Amino acid sequence: MPQPTKNAAKRRPAATRRSPVIKAGKTAPHTGAEDDVKITALKLPPGELSPEMDAYFKKCDEKLGFVPNVLKAFAFDDAKLQAFVDYR
């Protein structure tokens, strides 16, 4: 088997699969490992997002291609989510 040269093309890792956006009250099919789907260890009921936060989640999904887990974790309480987003 020939030795690879210093100029040989390096293999890129496979792209990671992103978790789907889960809206309050709806569950998505299990598409990944448990640690990719479960955001927090606490079993908190999902809260209702305000129209502003729903628009913010949609903008994150549009611009980034996903909603960051920290936002999903705070989504159980709209007031805490709003306080987190407002802190800058």
PDB file of N, CA and C in Angstrom:
ATOM      1  N   MET A   1       0.851  -1.168   0.000  1.00  0.00           N
ATOM      2  CA  MET A   1       0.000   0.000   0.000  1.00  0.00           C
ATOM      3  C   MET A   1       0.900   1.235   0.000  1.00  0.00           C
ATOM      4  N   PRO A   2       0.663   2.167  -0.909  1.00  0.00           N
ATOM      5  CA  PRO A   2       1.522   3.349  -0.992  1.00  0.00           C
ATOM      6  C   PRO A   2       1.321   4.274   0.216  1.00  0.00           C
ATOM      7  N   GLN A   3       2.404   4.935   0.579  1.00  0.00           N
ATOM      8  CA  GLN A   3       2.378   5.895   1.681  1.00  0.00           C
ATOM      9  C   GLN A   3       1.697   7.184   1.218  1.00  0.00           C
ATOM     10  N   PRO A   4       0.854   7.780   2.037  1.00  0.00           N
ATOM     11  CA  PRO A   4       0.239   9.056   1.640  1.00  0.00           C
ATOM     12  C   PRO A   4       1.304  10.161   1.637  1.00  0.00           C
ATOM     13  N   THR A   5       1.178  11.048   0.704  1.00  0.00           N
ATOM     14  CA  THR A   5       2.128  12.149   0.621  1.00  0.00           C
ATOM     15  C   THR A   5       1.669  13.300   1.490  1.00  0.00           C
ATOM     16  N   LYS A   6       2.555  14.247   1.722  1.00  0.00           N
ATOM     17  CA  LYS A   6       2.208  15.407   2.540  1.00  0.00           C
ATOM     18  C   LYS A   6       1.140  16.259   1.876  1.00  0.00           C
ATOM     19  N   ASN A   7       1.046  16.203   0.573  1.00  0.00           N
ATOM     20  CA  ASN A   7       0.095  17.014  -0.166  1.00  0.00           C
ATOM     21  C   ASN A   7      -1.222  16.290  -0.444  1.00  0.00           C
ATOM     22  N   ALA A   8      -1.368  15.098   0.103  1.00  0.00           N
ATOM     23  CA  ALA A   8      -2.595  14.330  -0.142  1.00  0.00           C
ATOM     24  C   ALA A   8      -3.788  15.026   0.501  1.00  0.00           C
ATOM     25  N   ALA A   9      -4.915  14.958  -0.160  1.00  0.00           N
ATOM     26  CA  ALA A   9      -6.139  15.582   0.358  1.00  0.00           C
ATOM     27  C   ALA A   9      -6.559  14.878   1.637  1.00  0.00           C
ATOM     28  N   LYS A  10      -6.933  15.647   2.629  1.00  0.00           N
ATOM     29  CA  LYS A  10      -7.364  15.064   3.896  1.00  0.00           C
ATOM     30  C   LYS A  10      -8.869  14.859   3.866  1.00  0.00           C
ATOM     31  N   ARG A  11      -9.312  13.806   4.510  1.00  0.00           N
ATOM     32  CA  ARG A  11     -10.742  13.517   4.573  1.00  0.00           C
ATOM     33  C   ARG A  11     -11.405  14.466   5.552  1.00  0.00           C
ATOM     34  N   ARG A  12     -12.539  14.967   5.137  1.00  0.00           N
ATOM     35  CA  ARG A  12     -13.326  15.821   6.018  1.00  0.00           C
ATOM     36  C   ARG A  12     -14.307  14.938   6.785  1.00  0.00           C
ATOM     37  N   PRO A  13     -14.570  15.310   8.037  1.00  0.00           N
ATOM     38  CA  PRO A  13     -15.556  14.524   8.790  1.00  0.00           C
ATOM     39  C   PRO A  13     -16.955  14.708   8.195  1.00  0.00           C
ATOM     40  N   ALA A  14     -17.770  13.719   8.398  1.00  0.00           N
ATOM     41  CA  ALA A  14     -19.151  13.791   7.902  1.00  0.00           C
ATOM     42  C   ALA A  14     -19.892  14.902   8.627  1.00  0.00           C
ATOM     43  N   ALA A  15     -20.778  15.560   7.937  1.00  0.00           N
ATOM     44  CA  ALA A  15     -21.566  16.643   8.534  1.00  0.00           C
ATOM     45  C   ALA A  15     -22.458  16.090   9.635  1.00  0.00           C
ATOM     46  N   THR A  16     -22.634  16.866  10.695  1.00  0.00           N
ATOM     47  CA  THR A  16     -23.496  16.414  11.786  1.00  0.00           C
ATOM     48  C   THR A  16     -24.947  16.723  11.453  1.00  0.00           C
ATOM     49  N   ARG A  17     -25.797  15.902  11.941  1.00  0.00           N
ATOM     50  CA  ARG A  17     -27.222  16.079  11.699  1.00  0.00           C
ATOM     51  C   ARG A  17     -27.797  16.941  12.807  1.00  0.00           C
ATOM     52  N   ARG A  18     -28.527  17.961  12.451  1.00  0.00           N
ATOM     53  CA  ARG A  18     -29.082  18.885  13.432  1.00  0.00           C
ATOM     54  C   ARG A  18     -30.445  18.403  13.912  1.00  0.00           C
ATOM     55  N   SER A  19     -30.710  18.679  15.177  1.00  0.00           N
ATOM     56  CA  SER A  19     -32.003  18.315  15.758  1.00  0.00           C
ATOM     57  C   SER A  19     -33.089  19.236  15.224  1.00  0.00           C
ATOM     58  N   PRO A  20     -34.283  18.711  14.997  1.00  0.00           N
ATOM     59  CA  PRO A  20     -35.363  19.564  14.502  1.00  0.00           C
ATOM     60  C   PRO A  20     -35.857  20.504  15.605  1.00  0.00           C
ATOM     61  N   VAL A  21     -36.448  21.609  15.194  1.00  0.00           N
ATOM     62  CA  VAL A  21     -37.044  22.560  16.141  1.00  0.00           C
ATOM     63  C   VAL A  21     -38.317  21.934  16.673  1.00  0.00           C
ATOM     64  N   ILE A  22     -38.451  21.905  18.003  1.00  0.00           N
ATOM     65  CA  ILE A  22     -39.626  21.307  18.630  1.00  0.00           C
ATOM     66  C   ILE A  22     -40.469  22.426  19.207  1.00  0.00           C
ATOM     67  N   LYS A  23     -41.707  22.523  18.765  1.00  0.00           N
ATOM     68  CA  LYS A  23     -42.624  23.545  19.270  1.00  0.00           C
ATOM     69  C   LYS A  23     -43.312  23.012  20.517  1.00  0.00           C
ATOM     70  N   ALA A  24     -43.767  23.928  21.335  1.00  0.00           N
ATOM     71  CA  ALA A  24     -44.430  23.567  22.586  1.00  0.00           C
ATOM     72  C   ALA A  24     -45.635  22.675  22.307  1.00  0.00           C
ATOM     73  N   GLY A  25     -45.732  21.600  23.069  1.00  0.00           N
ATOM     74  CA  GLY A  25     -46.873  20.704  22.951  1.00  0.00           C
ATOM     75  C   GLY A  25     -46.735  19.645  21.861  1.00  0.00           C
ATOM     76  N   LYS A  26     -45.738  19.764  21.012  1.00  0.00           N
ATOM     77  CA  LYS A  26     -45.553  18.792  19.938  1.00  0.00           C
ATOM     78  C   LYS A  26     -44.248  18.046  20.177  1.00  0.00           C
ATOM     79  N   THR A  27     -44.225  16.777  19.813  1.00  0.00           N
ATOM     80  CA  THR A  27     -42.992  16.013  19.941  1.00  0.00           C
ATOM     81  C   THR A  27     -42.529  15.598  18.565  1.00  0.00           C
ATOM     82  N   ALA A  28     -41.233  15.655  18.385  1.00  0.00           N
ATOM     83  CA  ALA A  28     -40.643  15.250  17.110  1.00  0.00           C
ATOM     84  C   ALA A  28     -40.254  13.774  17.198  1.00  0.00           C
ATOM     85  N   PRO A  29     -40.178  13.099  16.070  1.00  0.00           N
ATOM     86  CA  PRO A  29     -39.722  11.710  16.111  1.00  0.00           C
ATOM     87  C   PRO A  29     -38.280  11.660  16.600  1.00  0.00           C
ATOM     88  N   HIS A  30     -37.952  10.605  17.307  1.00  0.00           N
ATOM     89  CA  HIS A  30     -36.599  10.447  17.845  1.00  0.00           C
ATOM     90  C   HIS A  30     -35.649  10.192  16.673  1.00  0.00           C
ATOM     91  N   THR A  31     -34.765  11.157  16.399  1.00  0.00           N
ATOM     92  CA  THR A  31     -33.887  11.048  15.231  1.00  0.00           C
ATOM     93  C   THR A  31     -32.415  10.949  15.593  1.00  0.00           C
ATOM     94  N   GLY A  32     -32.074  10.989  16.865  1.00  0.00           N
ATOM     95  CA  GLY A  32     -30.663  10.968  17.232  1.00  0.00           C
ATOM     96  C   GLY A  32     -30.449  10.268  18.550  1.00  0.00           C
ATOM     97  N   ALA A  33     -29.228  10.369  19.043  1.00  0.00           N
ATOM     98  CA  ALA A  33     -28.903   9.797  20.333  1.00  0.00           C
ATOM     99  C   ALA A  33     -29.687  10.526  21.422  1.00  0.00           C
ATOM    100  N   GLU A  34     -29.870   9.876  22.554  1.00  0.00           N
ATOM    101  CA  GLU A  34     -30.663  10.470  23.639  1.00  0.00           C
ATOM    102  C   GLU A  34     -30.099  11.809  24.080  1.00  0.00           C
ATOM    103  N   ASP A  35     -28.781  11.950  24.126  1.00  0.00           N
ATOM    104  CA  ASP A  35     -28.202  13.218  24.562  1.00  0.00           C
ATOM    105  C   ASP A  35     -28.334  14.310  23.515  1.00  0.00           C
ATOM    106  N   ASP A  36     -28.674  13.977  22.289  1.00  0.00           N
ATOM    107  CA  ASP A  36     -28.928  14.984  21.262  1.00  0.00           C
ATOM    108  C   ASP A  36     -30.367  15.477  21.301  1.00  0.00           C
ATOM    109  N   VAL A  37     -31.259  14.688  21.848  1.00  0.00           N
ATOM    110  CA  VAL A  37     -32.679  15.016  21.862  1.00  0.00           C
ATOM    111  C   VAL A  37     -33.099  15.634  23.191  1.00  0.00           C
ATOM    112  N   LYS A  38     -32.612  15.083  24.289  1.00  0.00           N
ATOM    113  CA  LYS A  38     -32.968  15.559  25.622  1.00  0.00           C
ATOM    114  C   LYS A  38     -32.091  16.757  25.965  1.00  0.00           C
ATOM    115  N   ILE A  39     -32.701  17.915  26.214  1.00  0.00           N
ATOM    116  CA  ILE A  39     -31.964  19.150  26.454  1.00  0.00           C
ATOM    117  C   ILE A  39     -31.592  19.301  27.924  1.00  0.00           C
ATOM    118  N   THR A  40     -32.525  19.049  28.840  1.00  0.00           N
ATOM    119  CA  THR A  40     -32.252  19.200  30.270  1.00  0.00           C
ATOM    120  C   THR A  40     -32.549  17.892  30.991  1.00  0.00           C
ATOM    121  N   ALA A  41     -31.956  17.733  32.160  1.00  0.00           N
ATOM    122  CA  ALA A  41     -32.205  16.542  32.974  1.00  0.00           C
ATOM    123  C   ALA A  41     -33.536  16.655  33.718  1.00  0.00           C
ATOM    124  N   LEU A  42     -34.036  17.872  33.861  1.00  0.00           N
ATOM    125  CA  LEU A  42     -35.301  18.075  34.554  1.00  0.00           C
ATOM    126  C   LEU A  42     -36.473  17.767  33.632  1.00  0.00           C
ATOM    127  N   LYS A  43     -37.502  17.185  34.181  1.00  0.00           N
ATOM    128  CA  LYS A  43     -38.694  16.875  33.382  1.00  0.00           C
ATOM    129  C   LYS A  43     -39.698  18.003  33.545  1.00  0.00           C
ATOM    130  N   LEU A  44     -39.429  19.101  32.860  1.00  0.00           N
ATOM    131  CA  LEU A  44     -40.296  20.272  32.929  1.00  0.00           C
ATOM    132  C   LEU A  44     -41.290  20.248  31.781  1.00  0.00           C
ATOM    133  N   PRO A  45     -42.531  20.607  32.048  1.00  0.00           N
ATOM    134  CA  PRO A  45     -43.502  20.649  30.951  1.00  0.00           C
ATOM    135  C   PRO A  45     -43.144  21.789  29.998  1.00  0.00           C
ATOM    136  N   PRO A  46     -43.338  21.598  28.711  1.00  0.00           N
ATOM    137  CA  PRO A  46     -43.026  22.681  27.768  1.00  0.00           C
ATOM    138  C   PRO A  46     -43.971  23.855  27.976  1.00  0.00           C
ATOM    139  N   GLY A  47     -43.436  25.045  27.867  1.00  0.00           N
ATOM    140  CA  GLY A  47     -44.243  26.249  28.039  1.00  0.00           C
ATOM    141  C   GLY A  47     -44.670  26.796  26.688  1.00  0.00           C
ATOM    142  N   GLU A  48     -45.597  27.718  26.745  1.00  0.00           N
ATOM    143  CA  GLU A  48     -46.043  28.400  25.530  1.00  0.00           C
ATOM    144  C   GLU A  48     -45.091  29.551  25.227  1.00  0.00           C
ATOM    145  N   LEU A  49     -44.619  29.630  24.008  1.00  0.00           N
ATOM    146  CA  LEU A  49     -43.752  30.731  23.602  1.00  0.00           C
ATOM    147  C   LEU A  49     -44.604  31.934  23.224  1.00  0.00           C
ATOM    148  N   SER A  50     -44.124  33.103  23.603  1.00  0.00           N
ATOM    149  CA  SER A  50     -44.802  34.325  23.181  1.00  0.00           C
ATOM    150  C   SER A  50     -44.581  34.492  21.680  1.00  0.00           C
ATOM    151  N   PRO A  51     -45.397  35.288  21.013  1.00  0.00           N
ATOM    152  CA  PRO A  51     -45.190  35.493  19.571  1.00  0.00           C
ATOM    153  C   PRO A  51     -43.798  36.050  19.256  1.00  0.00           C
ATOM    154  N   GLU A  52     -43.246  36.899  20.158  1.00  0.00           N
ATOM    155  CA  GLU A  52     -41.909  37.455  19.935  1.00  0.00           C
ATOM    156  C   GLU A  52     -40.850  36.357  20.007  1.00  0.00           C
ATOM    157  N   MET A  53     -40.969  35.465  20.990  1.00  0.00           N
ATOM    158  CA  MET A  53     -39.984  34.381  21.143  1.00  0.00           C
ATOM    159  C   MET A  53     -40.141  33.354  20.019  1.00  0.00           C
ATOM    160  N   ASP A  54     -41.370  33.118  19.588  1.00  0.00           N
ATOM    161  CA  ASP A  54     -41.582  32.212  18.464  1.00  0.00           C
ATOM    162  C   ASP A  54     -40.901  32.772  17.211  1.00  0.00           C
ATOM    163  N   ALA A  55     -41.029  34.085  17.000  1.00  0.00           N
ATOM    164  CA  ALA A  55     -40.361  34.722  15.863  1.00  0.00           C
ATOM    165  C   ALA A  55     -38.842  34.651  16.020  1.00  0.00           C
ATOM    166  N   TYR A  56     -38.350  34.797  17.263  1.00  0.00           N
ATOM    167  CA  TYR A  56     -36.908  34.708  17.532  1.00  0.00           C
ATOM    168  C   TYR A  56     -36.381  33.308  17.224  1.00  0.00           C
ATOM    169  N   PHE A  57     -37.140  32.275  17.617  1.00  0.00           N
ATOM    170  CA  PHE A  57     -36.744  30.892  17.318  1.00  0.00           C
ATOM    171  C   PHE A  57     -36.709  30.673  15.802  1.00  0.00           C
ATOM    172  N   LYS A  58     -37.709  31.205  15.098  1.00  0.00           N
ATOM    173  CA  LYS A  58     -37.743  31.056  13.636  1.00  0.00           C
ATOM    174  C   LYS A  58     -36.560  31.767  12.986  1.00  0.00           C
ATOM    175  N   LYS A  59     -36.205  32.965  13.505  1.00  0.00           N
ATOM    176  CA  LYS A  59     -35.068  33.702  12.959  1.00  0.00           C
ATOM    177  C   LYS A  59     -33.766  32.942  13.213  1.00  0.00           C
ATOM    178  N   CYS A  60     -33.615  32.363  14.401  1.00  0.00           N
ATOM    179  CA  CYS A  60     -32.422  31.543  14.699  1.00  0.00           C
ATOM    180  C   CYS A  60     -32.336  30.380  13.718  1.00  0.00           C
ATOM    181  N   ASP A  61     -33.466  29.715  13.510  1.00  0.00           N
ATOM    182  CA  ASP A  61     -33.479  28.572  12.592  1.00  0.00           C
ATOM    183  C   ASP A  61     -33.159  29.019  11.171  1.00  0.00           C
ATOM    184  N   GLU A  62     -33.662  30.178  10.779  1.00  0.00           N
ATOM    185  CA  GLU A  62     -33.421  30.701   9.432  1.00  0.00           C
ATOM    186  C   GLU A  62     -31.952  31.096   9.245  1.00  0.00           C
ATOM    187  N   LYS A  63     -31.415  31.837  10.211  1.00  0.00           N
ATOM    188  CA  LYS A  63     -30.048  32.364  10.078  1.00  0.00           C
ATOM    189  C   LYS A  63     -28.972  31.327  10.391  1.00  0.00           C
ATOM    190  N   LEU A  64     -29.195  30.526  11.468  1.00  0.00           N
ATOM    191  CA  LEU A  64     -28.182  29.577  11.913  1.00  0.00           C
ATOM    192  C   LEU A  64     -28.409  28.165  11.388  1.00  0.00           C
ATOM    193  N   GLY A  65     -29.654  27.873  11.037  1.00  0.00           N
ATOM    194  CA  GLY A  65     -29.983  26.514  10.610  1.00  0.00           C
ATOM    195  C   GLY A  65     -30.419  25.636  11.777  1.00  0.00           C
ATOM    196  N   PHE A  66     -30.439  26.189  12.995  1.00  0.00           N
ATOM    197  CA  PHE A  66     -30.867  25.457  14.174  1.00  0.00           C
ATOM    198  C   PHE A  66     -31.191  26.454  15.277  1.00  0.00           C
ATOM    199  N   VAL A  67     -31.845  25.969  16.326  1.00  0.00           N
ATOM    200  CA  VAL A  67     -32.108  26.782  17.511  1.00  0.00           C
ATOM    201  C   VAL A  67     -31.131  26.303  18.579  1.00  0.00           C
ATOM    202  N   PRO A  68     -30.314  27.192  19.128  1.00  0.00           N
ATOM    203  CA  PRO A  68     -29.343  26.762  20.147  1.00  0.00           C
ATOM    204  C   PRO A  68     -30.013  26.084  21.336  1.00  0.00           C
ATOM    205  N   ASN A  69     -29.336  25.070  21.888  1.00  0.00           N
ATOM    206  CA  ASN A  69     -29.890  24.308  23.005  1.00  0.00           C
ATOM    207  C   ASN A  69     -30.181  25.176  24.218  1.00  0.00           C
ATOM    208  N   VAL A  70     -29.382  26.201  24.442  1.00  0.00           N
ATOM    209  CA  VAL A  70     -29.613  27.054  25.610  1.00  0.00           C
ATOM    210  C   VAL A  70     -30.969  27.744  25.496  1.00  0.00           C
ATOM    211  N   LEU A  71     -31.373  28.111  24.291  1.00  0.00           N
ATOM    212  CA  LEU A  71     -32.696  28.714  24.111  1.00  0.00           C
ATOM    213  C   LEU A  71     -33.793  27.680  24.313  1.00  0.00           C
ATOM    214  N   LYS A  72     -33.586  26.473  23.802  1.00  0.00           N
ATOM    215  CA  LYS A  72     -34.573  25.406  24.000  1.00  0.00           C
ATOM    216  C   LYS A  72     -34.707  25.069  25.485  1.00  0.00           C
ATOM    217  N   ALA A  73     -33.578  25.123  26.224  1.00  0.00           N
ATOM    218  CA  ALA A  73     -33.612  24.798  27.641  1.00  0.00           C
ATOM    219  C   ALA A  73     -34.406  25.838  28.432  1.00  0.00           C
ATOM    220  N   PHE A  74     -34.311  27.113  28.054  1.00  0.00           N
ATOM    221  CA  PHE A  74     -35.045  28.167  28.745  1.00  0.00           C
ATOM    222  C   PHE A  74     -36.495  28.278  28.266  1.00  0.00           C
ATOM    223  N   ALA A  75     -36.880  27.550  27.250  1.00  0.00           N
ATOM    224  CA  ALA A  75     -38.204  27.694  26.662  1.00  0.00           C
ATOM    225  C   ALA A  75     -39.334  27.194  27.563  1.00  0.00           C
ATOM    226  N   PHE A  76     -39.007  26.518  28.671  1.00  0.00           N
ATOM    227  CA  PHE A  76     -40.064  26.049  29.570  1.00  0.00           C
ATOM    228  C   PHE A  76     -40.745  27.213  30.287  1.00  0.00           C
ATOM    229  N   ASP A  77     -40.038  28.356  30.392  1.00  0.00           N
ATOM    230  CA  ASP A  77     -40.592  29.535  31.064  1.00  0.00           C
ATOM    231  C   ASP A  77     -40.292  30.759  30.195  1.00  0.00           C
ATOM    232  N   ASP A  78     -41.333  31.336  29.631  1.00  0.00           N
ATOM    233  CA  ASP A  78     -41.142  32.443  28.692  1.00  0.00           C
ATOM    234  C   ASP A  78     -40.461  33.649  29.345  1.00  0.00           C
ATOM    235  N   ALA A  79     -40.732  33.905  30.618  1.00  0.00           N
ATOM    236  CA  ALA A  79     -40.116  35.047  31.306  1.00  0.00           C
ATOM    237  C   ALA A  79     -38.609  34.838  31.444  1.00  0.00           C
ATOM    238  N   LYS A  80     -38.185  33.625  31.786  1.00  0.00           N
ATOM    239  CA  LYS A  80     -36.750  33.336  31.911  1.00  0.00           C
ATOM    240  C   LYS A  80     -36.080  33.371  30.545  1.00  0.00           C
ATOM    241  N   LEU A  81     -36.761  32.877  29.531  1.00  0.00           N
ATOM    242  CA  LEU A  81     -36.212  32.926  28.173  1.00  0.00           C
ATOM    243  C   LEU A  81     -36.049  34.375  27.726  1.00  0.00           C
ATOM    244  N   GLN A  82     -37.045  35.196  27.978  1.00  0.00           N
ATOM    245  CA  GLN A  82     -36.980  36.614  27.605  1.00  0.00           C
ATOM    246  C   GLN A  82     -35.844  37.310  28.345  1.00  0.00           C
ATOM    247  N   ALA A  83     -35.664  37.008  29.636  1.00  0.00           N
ATOM    248  CA  ALA A  83     -34.579  37.610  30.422  1.00  0.00           C
ATOM    249  C   ALA A  83     -33.227  37.178  29.868  1.00  0.00           C
ATOM    250  N   PHE A  84     -33.090  35.918  29.455  1.00  0.00           N
ATOM    251  CA  PHE A  84     -31.830  35.440  28.892  1.00  0.00           C
ATOM    252  C   PHE A  84     -31.537  36.136  27.571  1.00  0.00           C
ATOM    253  N   VAL A  85     -32.527  36.265  26.720  1.00  0.00           N
ATOM    254  CA  VAL A  85     -32.342  36.890  25.406  1.00  0.00           C
ATOM    255  C   VAL A  85     -32.047  38.388  25.558  1.00  0.00           C
ATOM    256  N   ASP A  86     -32.702  39.046  26.519  1.00  0.00           N
ATOM    257  CA  ASP A  86     -32.510  40.478  26.721  1.00  0.00           C
ATOM    258  C   ASP A  86     -31.157  40.822  27.326  1.00  0.00           C
ATOM    259  N   TYR A  87     -30.520  39.881  28.016  1.00  0.00           N
ATOM    260  CA  TYR A  87     -29.229  40.167  28.662  1.00  0.00           C
ATOM    261  C   TYR A  87     -28.138  40.294  27.609  1.00  0.00           C
ATOM    262  N   ARG A  88     -27.582  41.477  27.473  1.00  0.00           N
ATOM    263  CA  ARG A  88     -26.490  41.708  26.509  1.00  0.00           C
ATOM    264  C   ARG A  88     -25.524  42.677  27.074  1.00  0.00           C
TER     265      ARG A  88
END
